[in-house]
Amino acid sequence: MELAAAGGAAVVQAAGTDLWAGFRQRVARLFGRGDTRREQAELERLDRTAAVVRMVGQDVEERTRIVEEVSWRTRFETLLESSTAEERALLVVELRALLADAPSSTTPSTSVGGFAAGGRVDIQAESGAVAAGVINGEVRVGPPGHPGPSPG
């Protein structure tokens, strides 16, 4: 049931990120299993989860996230347990693919209007415009340093 736990965590971690729209669609499709009414109900449930995760205050945020993760973990467990062996095998493949594309706790994120990146970012200004950036974390400017002499 590790897969179900990872699914529950992924739903909560994805809520409110730039990846949410596509991720929620894939989760709803997974649960809907071809039934458009059921898929729509899942989209609504996912939207409620995202709203809860976004709206909580800092003091209750962690507890709320845990409750939402457990809720979705249970839903994934139920989906897997209620499936035939053949269906379960297909669901496991789909769930693993979904999780491979899910944001993780190390995926950069920012508030509305911000920009976050986990890789290289170039900021340029053209035609006399001003370019600015705020840096939180480690920064290296210029070419990479050369390694020092070998200790041995």
Protein backbone atom coordinates (compact mmCIF):
# COMPACT_ATOMS: atom_id res chain seq x y z
CA MET A 1 0.00 0.00 0.00
CA GLU A 2 3.05 2.23 -0.29
CA LEU A 3 1.79 3.21 -3.71
CA ALA A 4 -1.51 4.39 -2.23
CA ALA A 5 0.33 6.41 0.42
CA ALA A 6 2.50 8.00 -2.24
CA GLY A 7 -0.63 8.80 -4.24
CA GLY A 8 -2.24 10.54 -1.27
CA ALA A 9 0.89 12.58 -0.62
CA ALA A 10 1.20 13.50 -4.30
CA VAL A 11 -2.36 14.86 -4.46
CA VAL A 12 -1.72 17.17 -1.51
CA GLN A 13 1.73 18.24 -2.75
CA ALA A 14 0.38 19.01 -6.22
CA ALA A 15 -2.55 21.10 -4.96
CA GLY A 16 -1.90 24.74 -5.75
CA THR A 17 1.18 24.17 -7.89
CA ASP A 18 1.55 24.99 -11.58
CA LEU A 19 1.20 21.26 -12.26
CA TRP A 20 -2.17 20.96 -10.50
CA ALA A 21 -4.50 21.27 -13.51
CA GLY A 22 -2.97 18.39 -15.45
CA PHE A 23 -2.32 16.31 -12.36
CA ARG A 24 -5.90 16.59 -11.06
CA GLN A 25 -7.21 15.62 -14.50
CA ARG A 26 -5.08 12.46 -14.52
CA VAL A 27 -6.13 11.52 -10.97
CA ALA A 28 -9.81 12.02 -11.85
CA ARG A 29 -9.39 9.87 -14.95
CA LEU A 30 -7.73 7.15 -12.88
CA PHE A 31 -10.64 7.08 -10.43
CA GLY A 32 -13.31 7.62 -13.09
CA ARG A 33 -12.26 4.54 -15.08
CA GLY A 34 -14.11 5.74 -18.17
CA ASP A 35 -17.26 6.93 -16.36
CA THR A 36 -17.58 10.67 -17.07
CA ARG A 37 -19.98 11.32 -14.15
CA ARG A 38 -17.64 9.60 -11.75
CA GLU A 39 -14.68 11.50 -13.21
CA GLN A 40 -16.53 14.80 -12.73
CA ALA A 41 -17.26 13.88 -9.10
CA GLU A 42 -13.54 13.18 -8.60
CA LEU A 43 -12.61 16.54 -10.13
CA GLU A 44 -14.94 18.24 -7.66
CA ARG A 45 -13.44 16.27 -4.77
CA LEU A 46 -9.92 17.20 -5.93
CA ASP A 47 -10.92 20.86 -6.17
CA ARG A 48 -12.21 20.76 -2.59
CA THR A 49 -8.90 19.27 -1.46
CA ALA A 50 -6.95 22.00 -3.27
CA ALA A 51 -9.15 24.71 -1.75
CA VAL A 52 -8.63 23.31 1.76
CA VAL A 53 -4.87 23.03 1.30
CA ARG A 54 -4.60 26.58 -0.06
CA MET A 55 -6.87 28.24 2.51
CA VAL A 56 -5.55 26.89 5.79
CA GLY A 57 -3.47 29.07 8.07
CA GLN A 58 0.12 28.32 8.96
CA ASP A 59 -0.80 27.03 12.44
CA VAL A 60 -3.06 24.26 11.15
CA GLU A 61 -1.48 23.72 7.75
CA GLU A 62 0.52 20.59 8.57
CA ARG A 63 -2.38 18.88 10.33
CA THR A 64 -4.73 19.71 7.45
CA ARG A 65 -2.26 18.39 4.89
CA ILE A 66 -1.93 15.13 6.85
CA VAL A 67 -5.72 14.72 7.01
CA GLU A 68 -6.00 15.28 3.26
CA GLU A 69 -3.12 12.88 2.53
CA VAL A 70 -4.72 10.15 4.64
CA SER A 71 -8.06 10.71 2.93
CA TRP A 72 -6.55 10.33 -0.54
CA ARG A 73 -4.35 7.41 0.52
CA THR A 74 -7.50 5.64 1.70
CA ARG A 75 -9.23 6.38 -1.61
CA PHE A 76 -6.28 4.96 -3.56
CA GLU A 77 -6.20 1.88 -1.30
CA THR A 78 -9.93 1.32 -1.80
CA LEU A 79 -9.58 1.73 -5.56
CA LEU A 80 -6.77 -0.84 -5.70
CA GLU A 81 -8.41 -3.29 -3.28
CA SER A 82 -11.79 -3.21 -5.02
CA SER A 83 -10.29 -4.00 -8.42
CA THR A 84 -9.79 -7.37 -10.00
CA ALA A 85 -6.21 -8.60 -10.28
CA GLU A 86 -6.12 -7.61 -13.95
CA GLU A 87 -7.57 -4.14 -13.28
CA ARG A 88 -5.22 -3.68 -10.32
CA ALA A 89 -2.20 -4.41 -12.49
CA LEU A 90 -3.28 -1.71 -14.94
CA LEU A 91 -4.05 0.71 -12.11
CA VAL A 92 -0.62 0.16 -10.58
CA VAL A 93 1.04 1.00 -13.91
CA GLU A 94 -1.10 4.13 -14.29
CA LEU A 95 -0.53 5.21 -10.70
CA ARG A 96 3.24 4.76 -11.01
CA ALA A 97 3.24 6.87 -14.19
CA LEU A 98 1.16 9.51 -12.43
CA LEU A 99 3.55 9.58 -9.47
CA ALA A 100 6.57 9.83 -11.75
CA ASP A 101 5.17 13.14 -13.05
CA ALA A 102 3.91 14.40 -9.70
CA PRO A 103 5.53 17.34 -7.96
CA SER A 104 7.55 16.35 -4.92
CA SER A 105 8.38 18.21 -1.76
CA THR A 106 11.59 19.29 -3.51
CA THR A 107 9.77 20.73 -6.54
CA PRO A 108 10.30 24.50 -6.51
CA SER A 109 7.15 26.49 -5.82
CA THR A 110 6.15 30.06 -5.16
CA SER A 111 3.14 32.19 -4.39
CA VAL A 112 0.81 33.65 -7.02
CA GLY A 113 2.70 36.01 -9.30
CA GLY A 114 6.09 34.58 -8.37
CA PHE A 115 8.51 32.40 -10.23
CA ALA A 116 10.53 29.49 -8.91
CA ALA A 117 13.01 27.27 -10.67
CA GLY A 118 15.07 24.29 -9.69
CA GLY A 119 17.63 24.77 -12.43
CA ARG A 120 19.37 27.50 -14.34
CA VAL A 121 17.59 30.82 -14.82
CA ASP A 122 18.84 33.63 -17.04
CA ILE A 123 17.46 37.12 -16.45
CA GLN A 124 18.06 39.64 -19.23
CA ALA A 125 16.90 43.13 -20.03
CA GLU A 126 16.76 44.48 -23.55
CA SER A 127 16.35 47.95 -24.99
CA GLY A 128 17.16 49.76 -21.77
CA ALA A 129 14.66 47.81 -19.64
CA VAL A 130 15.49 46.87 -16.08
CA ALA A 131 15.90 43.23 -15.06
CA ALA A 132 15.68 42.15 -11.45
CA GLY A 133 15.41 38.96 -9.48
CA VAL A 134 15.09 37.88 -5.86
CA ILE A 135 17.28 35.04 -4.78
CA ASN A 136 16.48 32.69 -1.91
CA GLY A 137 19.08 29.98 -1.46
CA GLU A 138 22.44 29.18 -2.93
CA VAL A 139 23.65 31.22 -5.88
CA ARG A 140 26.74 30.89 -8.03
CA VAL A 141 27.67 33.67 -10.38
CA GLY A 142 30.15 33.17 -13.19
CA PRO A 143 31.82 30.08 -14.55
CA PRO A 144 32.03 27.04 -12.31
CA GLY A 145 35.08 26.87 -10.08
CA HIS A 146 37.97 24.57 -10.83
CA PRO A 147 38.57 21.66 -8.49
CA GLY A 148 41.50 22.00 -6.16
CA PRO A 149 44.56 19.76 -6.28
CA SER A 150 44.04 16.09 -5.59
CA PRO A 151 44.67 15.22 -1.92
CA GLY A 152 46.49 12.03 -2.83
